[in-house]
Amino acid sequence: MRQIYRSARIENIERLVQLLAEQGIETQISDHAVYQRPNYDRPSYFDTGDESTWIKVWITHTDDYPRAVDLLQKIGLEPCKTSFFPKPLRNYVLTSRERSDRLSRRLRLALLLAITGIIVFGAIRIFGIG
């Protein structure tokens, strides 16, 4: 089984499963609670919430995966790109941007601590605390 699509909206998942079934592609759905019904709360795709709770569509037979990807691309959907590495291993593979973000975060923290130390030291000298 391979994951092909995920969405926060149940309506999208149900329609995709119906299209894949019409093409003879067998699917399974995971992370879908039975009590969930279509609602109009409009989940935001721009929200950086936890995507692991989204409903997922899996292709049951691996041989059908290329056909399913072609169908998704024809209807304008991007197939799900998932990493098969567990999360601890994924952290070791950093892009140059992630490395520079980490470095800049550490430098900002060090600068903030240095400024705080200077202010505290100055306050001790001026007010004679301690």
C-alpha atoms as a PDB file:
ATOM      1  CA  MET A   1       0.000   0.000   0.000  1.00  0.00           C
ATOM      2  CA  ARG A   2       1.178   3.509  -0.811  1.00  0.00           C
ATOM      3  CA  GLN A   3      -0.261   6.799   0.314  1.00  0.00           C
ATOM      4  CA  ILE A   4      -1.367   8.934  -2.596  1.00  0.00           C
ATOM      5  CA  TYR A   5      -3.362  11.814  -1.128  1.00  0.00           C
ATOM      6  CA  ARG A   6      -4.372  13.489   2.125  1.00  0.00           C
ATOM      7  CA  SER A   7      -6.815  16.234   2.892  1.00  0.00           C
ATOM      8  CA  ALA A   8      -8.520  17.872   5.835  1.00  0.00           C
ATOM      9  CA  ARG A   9     -11.839  17.827   3.950  1.00  0.00           C
ATOM     10  CA  ILE A  10     -13.866  14.647   3.905  1.00  0.00           C
ATOM     11  CA  GLU A  11     -15.655  15.717   0.717  1.00  0.00           C
ATOM     12  CA  ASN A  12     -12.365  15.809  -1.218  1.00  0.00           C
ATOM     13  CA  ILE A  13     -11.407  12.351  -0.012  1.00  0.00           C
ATOM     14  CA  GLU A  14     -14.779  10.812  -0.833  1.00  0.00           C
ATOM     15  CA  ARG A  15     -14.791  12.274  -4.359  1.00  0.00           C
ATOM     16  CA  LEU A  16     -11.238  11.083  -5.040  1.00  0.00           C
ATOM     17  CA  VAL A  17     -12.025   7.569  -3.816  1.00  0.00           C
ATOM     18  CA  GLN A  18     -15.075   7.536  -6.089  1.00  0.00           C
ATOM     19  CA  LEU A  19     -12.973   8.628  -9.114  1.00  0.00           C
ATOM     20  CA  LEU A  20     -10.325   6.000  -8.386  1.00  0.00           C
ATOM     21  CA  ALA A  21     -12.995   3.310  -7.996  1.00  0.00           C
ATOM     22  CA  GLU A  22     -14.450   4.269 -11.397  1.00  0.00           C
ATOM     23  CA  GLN A  23     -11.005   3.594 -12.867  1.00  0.00           C
ATOM     24  CA  GLY A  24     -10.826   0.203 -11.132  1.00  0.00           C
ATOM     25  CA  ILE A  25      -8.209   1.287  -8.575  1.00  0.00           C
ATOM     26  CA  GLU A  26      -8.774  -0.146  -5.106  1.00  0.00           C
ATOM     27  CA  THR A  27      -8.175   2.250  -2.190  1.00  0.00           C
ATOM     28  CA  GLN A  28      -8.276   2.378   1.577  1.00  0.00           C
ATOM     29  CA  ILE A  29      -8.910   5.378   3.809  1.00  0.00           C
ATOM     30  CA  SER A  30      -7.141   5.938   7.119  1.00  0.00           C
ATOM     31  CA  ASP A  31      -7.516   8.463   9.941  1.00  0.00           C
ATOM     32  CA  HIS A  32     -11.205   8.905   9.188  1.00  0.00           C
ATOM     33  CA  ALA A  33     -13.501   8.819  12.189  1.00  0.00           C
ATOM     34  CA  VAL A  34     -16.874   7.215  11.502  1.00  0.00           C
ATOM     35  CA  TYR A  35     -18.723   9.955  13.350  1.00  0.00           C
ATOM     36  CA  GLN A  36     -17.277  12.706  11.157  1.00  0.00           C
ATOM     37  CA  ARG A  37     -19.736  14.121   8.689  1.00  0.00           C
ATOM     38  CA  PRO A  38     -19.261  16.792   6.041  1.00  0.00           C
ATOM     39  CA  ASN A  39     -19.251  20.207   7.636  1.00  0.00           C
ATOM     40  CA  TYR A  40     -18.737  23.707   6.388  1.00  0.00           C
ATOM     41  CA  ASP A  41     -16.143  24.914   8.889  1.00  0.00           C
ATOM     42  CA  ARG A  42     -13.727  25.279   5.978  1.00  0.00           C
ATOM     43  CA  PRO A  43     -10.421  23.954   7.293  1.00  0.00           C
ATOM     44  CA  SER A  44      -7.541  26.194   6.300  1.00  0.00           C
ATOM     45  CA  TYR A  45      -4.840  24.735   4.098  1.00  0.00           C
ATOM     46  CA  PHE A  46      -2.619  27.672   5.055  1.00  0.00           C
ATOM     47  CA  ASP A  47      -2.787  26.738   8.706  1.00  0.00           C
ATOM     48  CA  THR A  48       0.353  24.961   9.829  1.00  0.00           C
ATOM     49  CA  GLY A  49      -1.635  22.561  11.965  1.00  0.00           C
ATOM     50  CA  ASP A  50      -0.893  18.895  12.375  1.00  0.00           C
ATOM     51  CA  GLU A  51      -1.271  17.292   8.940  1.00  0.00           C
ATOM     52  CA  SER A  52      -0.857  13.841  10.460  1.00  0.00           C
ATOM     53  CA  THR A  53      -4.513  14.040  11.573  1.00  0.00           C
ATOM     54  CA  TRP A  54      -5.739  14.615   8.014  1.00  0.00           C
ATOM     55  CA  ILE A  55      -7.614  11.825   6.253  1.00  0.00           C
ATOM     56  CA  LYS A  56      -5.370   9.762   3.978  1.00  0.00           C
ATOM     57  CA  VAL A  57      -6.057   7.765   0.813  1.00  0.00           C
ATOM     58  CA  TRP A  58      -3.926   4.679   0.213  1.00  0.00           C
ATOM     59  CA  ILE A  59      -3.612   2.675  -2.992  1.00  0.00           C
ATOM     60  CA  THR A  60      -4.075  -0.984  -2.063  1.00  0.00           C
ATOM     61  CA  HIS A  61      -2.158  -2.544  -4.966  1.00  0.00           C
ATOM     62  CA  THR A  62       1.231  -1.047  -5.759  1.00  0.00           C
ATOM     63  CA  ASP A  63       0.775  -1.812  -9.471  1.00  0.00           C
ATOM     64  CA  ASP A  64      -2.094   0.693  -9.596  1.00  0.00           C
ATOM     65  CA  TYR A  65      -0.022   3.533  -8.151  1.00  0.00           C
ATOM     66  CA  PRO A  66       1.280   4.979 -11.498  1.00  0.00           C
ATOM     67  CA  ARG A  67      -2.265   5.024 -12.928  1.00  0.00           C
ATOM     68  CA  ALA A  68      -3.553   6.743  -9.799  1.00  0.00           C
ATOM     69  CA  VAL A  69      -0.791   9.384  -9.969  1.00  0.00           C
ATOM     70  CA  ASP A  70      -1.637  10.061 -13.622  1.00  0.00           C
ATOM     71  CA  LEU A  71      -5.320  10.442 -12.738  1.00  0.00           C
ATOM     72  CA  LEU A  72      -4.524  12.872  -9.907  1.00  0.00           C
ATOM     73  CA  GLN A  73      -2.335  14.961 -12.177  1.00  0.00           C
ATOM     74  CA  LYS A  74      -5.029  15.034 -14.874  1.00  0.00           C
ATOM     75  CA  ILE A  75      -7.578  16.425 -12.434  1.00  0.00           C
ATOM     76  CA  GLY A  76      -5.070  18.942 -11.056  1.00  0.00           C
ATOM     77  CA  LEU A  77      -4.156  17.386  -7.721  1.00  0.00           C
ATOM     78  CA  GLU A  78      -0.637  16.880  -6.430  1.00  0.00           C
ATOM     79  CA  PRO A  79       0.081  13.331  -5.197  1.00  0.00           C
ATOM     80  CA  CYS A  80       1.197  13.113  -1.586  1.00  0.00           C
ATOM     81  CA  LYS A  81       4.959  13.030  -1.139  1.00  0.00           C
ATOM     82  CA  THR A  82       5.692  11.286   2.146  1.00  0.00           C
ATOM     83  CA  SER A  83       8.987  10.477   3.710  1.00  0.00           C
ATOM     84  CA  PHE A  84       9.434   6.872   4.742  1.00  0.00           C
ATOM     85  CA  PHE A  85      12.107   7.821   7.307  1.00  0.00           C
ATOM     86  CA  PRO A  86      11.058   7.897  10.929  1.00  0.00           C
ATOM     87  CA  LYS A  87      11.101  11.376  12.480  1.00  0.00           C
ATOM     88  CA  PRO A  88      14.406  11.002  14.392  1.00  0.00           C
ATOM     89  CA  LEU A  89      16.258  10.031  11.202  1.00  0.00           C
ATOM     90  CA  ARG A  90      14.570  12.781   9.219  1.00  0.00           C
ATOM     91  CA  ASN A  91      16.117  15.427  11.517  1.00  0.00           C
ATOM     92  CA  TYR A  92      19.632  14.497  10.438  1.00  0.00           C
ATOM     93  CA  VAL A  93      18.950  15.315   6.798  1.00  0.00           C
ATOM     94  CA  LEU A  94      18.923  19.114   6.809  1.00  0.00           C
ATOM     95  CA  THR A  95      18.849  21.400   3.835  1.00  0.00           C
ATOM     96  CA  SER A  96      21.188  24.371   3.722  1.00  0.00           C
ATOM     97  CA  ARG A  97      18.259  26.685   4.468  1.00  0.00           C
ATOM     98  CA  GLU A  98      17.342  24.715   7.598  1.00  0.00           C
ATOM     99  CA  ARG A  99      20.964  24.811   8.743  1.00  0.00           C
ATOM    100  CA  SER A 100      21.171  28.570   8.237  1.00  0.00           C
ATOM    101  CA  ASP A 101      17.839  29.023  10.064  1.00  0.00           C
ATOM    102  CA  ARG A 102      19.171  27.057  13.027  1.00  0.00           C
ATOM    103  CA  LEU A 103      22.398  29.037  13.044  1.00  0.00           C
ATOM    104  CA  SER A 104      20.608  32.389  12.899  1.00  0.00           C
ATOM    105  CA  ARG A 105      18.269  31.293  15.710  1.00  0.00           C
ATOM    106  CA  ARG A 106      21.243  30.356  17.895  1.00  0.00           C
ATOM    107  CA  LEU A 107      23.024  33.626  17.138  1.00  0.00           C
ATOM    108  CA  ARG A 108      19.908  35.646  18.022  1.00  0.00           C
ATOM    109  CA  LEU A 109      19.565  33.751  21.294  1.00  0.00           C
ATOM    110  CA  ALA A 110      23.237  34.315  22.160  1.00  0.00           C
ATOM    111  CA  LEU A 111      22.906  38.026  21.377  1.00  0.00           C
ATOM    112  CA  LEU A 112      19.761  38.298  23.509  1.00  0.00           C
ATOM    113  CA  LEU A 113      21.495  36.568  26.423  1.00  0.00           C
ATOM    114  CA  ALA A 114      24.536  38.861  26.085  1.00  0.00           C
ATOM    115  CA  ILE A 115      22.374  42.003  26.099  1.00  0.00           C
ATOM    116  CA  THR A 116      20.400  40.715  29.076  1.00  0.00           C
ATOM    117  CA  GLY A 117      23.641  39.991  30.929  1.00  0.00           C
ATOM    118  CA  ILE A 118      24.963  43.497  30.253  1.00  0.00           C
ATOM    119  CA  ILE A 119      21.717  45.070  31.478  1.00  0.00           C
ATOM    120  CA  VAL A 120      21.698  42.961  34.664  1.00  0.00           C
ATOM    121  CA  PHE A 121      25.383  43.689  35.319  1.00  0.00           C
ATOM    122  CA  GLY A 122      24.769  47.434  34.773  1.00  0.00           C
ATOM    123  CA  ALA A 123      21.775  47.390  37.106  1.00  0.00           C
ATOM    124  CA  ILE A 124      23.831  45.698  39.807  1.00  0.00           C
ATOM    125  CA  ARG A 125      26.601  48.308  39.507  1.00  0.00           C
ATOM    126  CA  ILE A 126      24.245  51.297  39.406  1.00  0.00           C
ATOM    127  CA  PHE A 127      21.869  50.269  42.177  1.00  0.00           C
ATOM    128  CA  GLY A 128      24.411  48.384  44.260  1.00  0.00           C
ATOM    129  CA  ILE A 129      22.246  45.290  44.525  1.00  0.00           C
ATOM    130  CA  GLY A 130      23.947  42.337  46.126  1.00  0.00           C
END
